[in-house]
N, C-alpha and C. Protein backbone atom coordinates (compact mmCIF):
# COMPACT_ATOMS: atom_id res chain seq x y z
N UNK A 1 -52.02 50.70 -0.58
CA UNK A 1 -52.15 49.87 0.60
C UNK A 1 -52.65 50.71 1.78
N UNK A 2 -53.36 50.07 2.64
CA UNK A 2 -53.86 50.69 3.87
C UNK A 2 -53.16 50.00 5.04
N UNK A 3 -52.50 50.77 5.88
CA UNK A 3 -51.73 50.21 6.99
C UNK A 3 -52.42 50.49 8.32
N UNK A 4 -52.36 49.50 9.23
CA UNK A 4 -52.88 49.67 10.57
C UNK A 4 -51.86 49.13 11.58
N UNK A 5 -51.95 49.63 12.81
CA UNK A 5 -51.19 49.07 13.92
C UNK A 5 -52.21 48.37 14.81
N UNK A 6 -52.03 47.07 15.02
CA UNK A 6 -53.00 46.29 15.78
C UNK A 6 -52.32 45.49 16.88
N UNK A 7 -52.98 45.42 18.03
CA UNK A 7 -52.49 44.64 19.15
C UNK A 7 -52.99 43.21 18.99
N UNK A 8 -52.09 42.25 19.16
CA UNK A 8 -52.42 40.84 19.05
C UNK A 8 -52.07 40.13 20.35
N UNK A 9 -52.78 39.03 20.60
CA UNK A 9 -52.53 38.23 21.80
C UNK A 9 -52.30 36.79 21.38
N UNK A 10 -51.32 36.16 22.02
CA UNK A 10 -51.01 34.76 21.77
C UNK A 10 -51.20 34.02 23.09
N UNK A 11 -52.03 33.01 23.08
CA UNK A 11 -52.26 32.20 24.27
C UNK A 11 -51.43 30.94 24.14
N UNK A 12 -50.66 30.66 25.19
CA UNK A 12 -49.68 29.59 25.07
C UNK A 12 -50.04 28.31 25.77
N UNK A 13 -49.26 27.33 25.43
CA UNK A 13 -49.33 25.99 26.01
C UNK A 13 -50.68 25.32 25.77
N UNK A 14 -50.72 24.08 26.08
CA UNK A 14 -51.93 23.29 25.90
C UNK A 14 -52.98 23.64 26.96
N UNK A 15 -52.55 24.18 28.10
CA UNK A 15 -53.52 24.50 29.16
C UNK A 15 -53.89 25.98 29.19
N UNK A 16 -53.34 26.78 28.27
CA UNK A 16 -53.67 28.21 28.22
C UNK A 16 -53.21 28.97 29.44
N UNK A 17 -52.06 28.58 29.98
CA UNK A 17 -51.60 29.15 31.25
C UNK A 17 -50.94 30.52 31.12
N UNK A 18 -50.68 30.99 29.92
CA UNK A 18 -50.12 32.33 29.80
C UNK A 18 -50.61 33.01 28.53
N UNK A 19 -50.44 34.33 28.51
CA UNK A 19 -50.82 35.11 27.35
C UNK A 19 -49.69 36.09 27.06
N UNK A 20 -49.35 36.23 25.80
CA UNK A 20 -48.31 37.17 25.39
C UNK A 20 -48.92 38.14 24.39
N UNK A 21 -48.64 39.43 24.55
CA UNK A 21 -49.17 40.46 23.65
C UNK A 21 -48.04 41.06 22.82
N UNK A 22 -48.39 41.47 21.61
CA UNK A 22 -47.44 42.17 20.76
C UNK A 22 -48.24 43.04 19.77
N UNK A 23 -47.54 43.89 19.05
CA UNK A 23 -48.16 44.76 18.05
C UNK A 23 -47.70 44.36 16.66
N UNK A 24 -48.59 44.52 15.69
CA UNK A 24 -48.27 44.23 14.30
C UNK A 24 -48.64 45.43 13.42
N UNK A 25 -47.76 45.73 12.47
CA UNK A 25 -48.10 46.68 11.41
C UNK A 25 -48.60 45.82 10.26
N UNK A 26 -49.86 46.04 9.87
CA UNK A 26 -50.49 45.18 8.87
C UNK A 26 -50.87 46.01 7.64
N UNK A 27 -50.55 45.46 6.47
CA UNK A 27 -50.91 46.09 5.19
C UNK A 27 -52.16 45.41 4.66
N UNK A 28 -53.20 46.19 4.39
CA UNK A 28 -54.46 45.69 3.85
C UNK A 28 -54.60 46.20 2.42
N UNK A 29 -55.27 45.41 1.58
CA UNK A 29 -55.40 45.79 0.17
C UNK A 29 -56.51 46.80 -0.07
N UNK A 30 -57.62 46.69 0.68
CA UNK A 30 -58.74 47.58 0.42
C UNK A 30 -59.73 47.54 1.58
N UNK A 31 -60.70 48.46 1.54
CA UNK A 31 -61.80 48.47 2.50
C UNK A 31 -63.06 47.91 1.83
N UNK A 32 -63.88 47.29 2.64
CA UNK A 32 -65.17 46.80 2.16
C UNK A 32 -66.17 47.96 2.12
N UNK A 33 -67.29 47.82 1.42
CA UNK A 33 -68.27 48.90 1.34
C UNK A 33 -68.81 49.34 2.71
N UNK A 34 -68.77 48.44 3.71
CA UNK A 34 -69.27 48.81 5.04
C UNK A 34 -68.25 49.54 5.89
N UNK A 35 -67.04 49.78 5.36
CA UNK A 35 -66.02 50.54 6.09
C UNK A 35 -64.96 49.70 6.78
N UNK A 36 -65.17 48.39 6.84
CA UNK A 36 -64.20 47.49 7.48
C UNK A 36 -63.06 47.18 6.51
N UNK A 37 -61.91 46.84 7.06
CA UNK A 37 -60.78 46.44 6.23
C UNK A 37 -60.95 45.00 5.77
N UNK A 38 -60.57 44.72 4.54
CA UNK A 38 -60.63 43.36 4.02
C UNK A 38 -59.52 42.54 4.63
N UNK A 39 -59.85 41.36 5.16
CA UNK A 39 -58.83 40.52 5.77
C UNK A 39 -58.11 39.65 4.74
N UNK A 40 -58.74 39.43 3.59
CA UNK A 40 -58.06 38.66 2.55
C UNK A 40 -56.98 39.53 1.93
N UNK A 41 -55.81 38.98 1.80
CA UNK A 41 -54.70 39.74 1.24
C UNK A 41 -53.98 40.61 2.25
N UNK A 42 -54.35 40.53 3.53
CA UNK A 42 -53.66 41.30 4.56
C UNK A 42 -52.29 40.67 4.82
N UNK A 43 -51.29 41.51 5.04
CA UNK A 43 -49.92 41.04 5.21
C UNK A 43 -49.30 41.75 6.41
N UNK A 44 -48.75 40.99 7.35
CA UNK A 44 -48.04 41.57 8.49
C UNK A 44 -46.65 41.98 8.00
N UNK A 45 -46.34 43.27 8.10
CA UNK A 45 -45.05 43.76 7.62
C UNK A 45 -44.05 43.98 8.75
N UNK A 46 -44.52 44.06 10.01
CA UNK A 46 -43.62 44.25 11.14
C UNK A 46 -44.30 43.79 12.41
N UNK A 47 -43.55 43.14 13.29
CA UNK A 47 -44.04 42.69 14.59
C UNK A 47 -43.09 43.19 15.66
N UNK A 48 -43.64 43.69 16.78
CA UNK A 48 -42.81 44.19 17.85
C UNK A 48 -43.54 44.09 19.19
N UNK A 49 -42.84 44.32 20.27
CA UNK A 49 -43.39 44.18 21.62
C UNK A 49 -44.21 45.40 22.04
N UNK A 50 -43.78 46.59 21.64
CA UNK A 50 -44.41 47.83 22.13
C UNK A 50 -44.99 48.65 20.98
N UNK A 51 -46.08 49.35 21.27
CA UNK A 51 -46.72 50.19 20.26
C UNK A 51 -45.78 51.30 19.78
N UNK A 52 -44.97 51.80 20.69
CA UNK A 52 -43.99 52.85 20.35
C UNK A 52 -43.08 52.36 19.22
N UNK A 53 -42.65 51.10 19.28
CA UNK A 53 -41.78 50.55 18.25
C UNK A 53 -42.51 50.45 16.91
N UNK A 54 -43.77 50.08 16.94
CA UNK A 54 -44.57 50.00 15.71
C UNK A 54 -44.74 51.39 15.10
N UNK A 55 -44.98 52.37 15.95
CA UNK A 55 -45.13 53.76 15.47
C UNK A 55 -43.82 54.25 14.86
N UNK A 56 -42.70 53.95 15.50
CA UNK A 56 -41.39 54.35 14.97
C UNK A 56 -41.10 53.67 13.63
N UNK A 57 -41.49 52.41 13.50
CA UNK A 57 -41.30 51.69 12.23
C UNK A 57 -42.09 52.39 11.12
N UNK A 58 -43.34 52.73 11.41
CA UNK A 58 -44.17 53.41 10.42
C UNK A 58 -43.55 54.74 10.00
N UNK A 59 -43.10 55.50 10.99
CA UNK A 59 -42.50 56.81 10.70
C UNK A 59 -41.24 56.65 9.85
N UNK A 60 -40.42 55.66 10.15
CA UNK A 60 -39.17 55.43 9.42
C UNK A 60 -39.41 55.00 7.98
N UNK A 61 -40.56 54.36 7.72
CA UNK A 61 -40.86 53.86 6.37
C UNK A 61 -41.92 54.70 5.65
N UNK A 62 -42.26 55.85 6.21
CA UNK A 62 -43.22 56.74 5.55
C UNK A 62 -44.63 56.21 5.52
N UNK A 63 -44.98 55.39 6.52
CA UNK A 63 -46.31 54.79 6.59
C UNK A 63 -47.19 55.62 7.52
N UNK A 64 -48.41 55.90 7.10
CA UNK A 64 -49.38 56.61 7.92
C UNK A 64 -50.48 55.63 8.33
N UNK A 65 -50.44 55.11 9.57
CA UNK A 65 -51.45 54.13 9.98
C UNK A 65 -52.87 54.71 9.96
N UNK A 66 -53.83 53.88 9.59
CA UNK A 66 -55.23 54.28 9.50
C UNK A 66 -56.04 53.54 10.57
N UNK A 67 -57.21 54.05 10.92
CA UNK A 67 -58.06 53.30 11.86
C UNK A 67 -58.61 52.04 11.18
N UNK A 68 -58.87 50.98 11.96
CA UNK A 68 -59.37 49.75 11.35
C UNK A 68 -60.79 49.86 10.78
N UNK A 69 -61.54 50.87 11.21
CA UNK A 69 -62.90 51.02 10.71
C UNK A 69 -63.17 52.48 10.41
N UNK A 70 -63.75 52.75 9.26
CA UNK A 70 -64.19 54.09 8.88
C UNK A 70 -65.66 53.97 8.51
N UNK A 71 -66.48 54.77 9.15
CA UNK A 71 -67.92 54.73 8.89
C UNK A 71 -68.20 55.09 7.44
N UNK A 72 -69.03 54.29 6.76
CA UNK A 72 -69.37 54.62 5.37
C UNK A 72 -70.14 55.94 5.30
N UNK A 73 -70.02 56.61 4.20
CA UNK A 73 -70.70 57.90 4.01
C UNK A 73 -72.21 57.71 4.03
N UNK A 74 -72.88 58.64 4.68
CA UNK A 74 -74.34 58.63 4.69
C UNK A 74 -74.85 59.11 3.34
N UNK A 75 -75.86 58.46 2.77
CA UNK A 75 -76.40 58.93 1.49
C UNK A 75 -77.05 60.31 1.64
N UNK A 76 -76.86 61.15 0.63
CA UNK A 76 -77.37 62.53 0.69
C UNK A 76 -78.87 62.59 0.46
């Protein structure tokens, strides 16, 4: 599994009068050939208010978060 920490935003009410932010630790199954993470099969394993809490969760569970995008290798 490939894990990432991502910031999410929730817009509330019918008039969009507020926005709430939180962080999610997300487990992805694989990367696509272009370096992006596959969104199919992605699973949120933890949700919290602060990035520090998400980082502590990862550390406590032996998870090493990865960047959401890795540039594909240049052909030789």
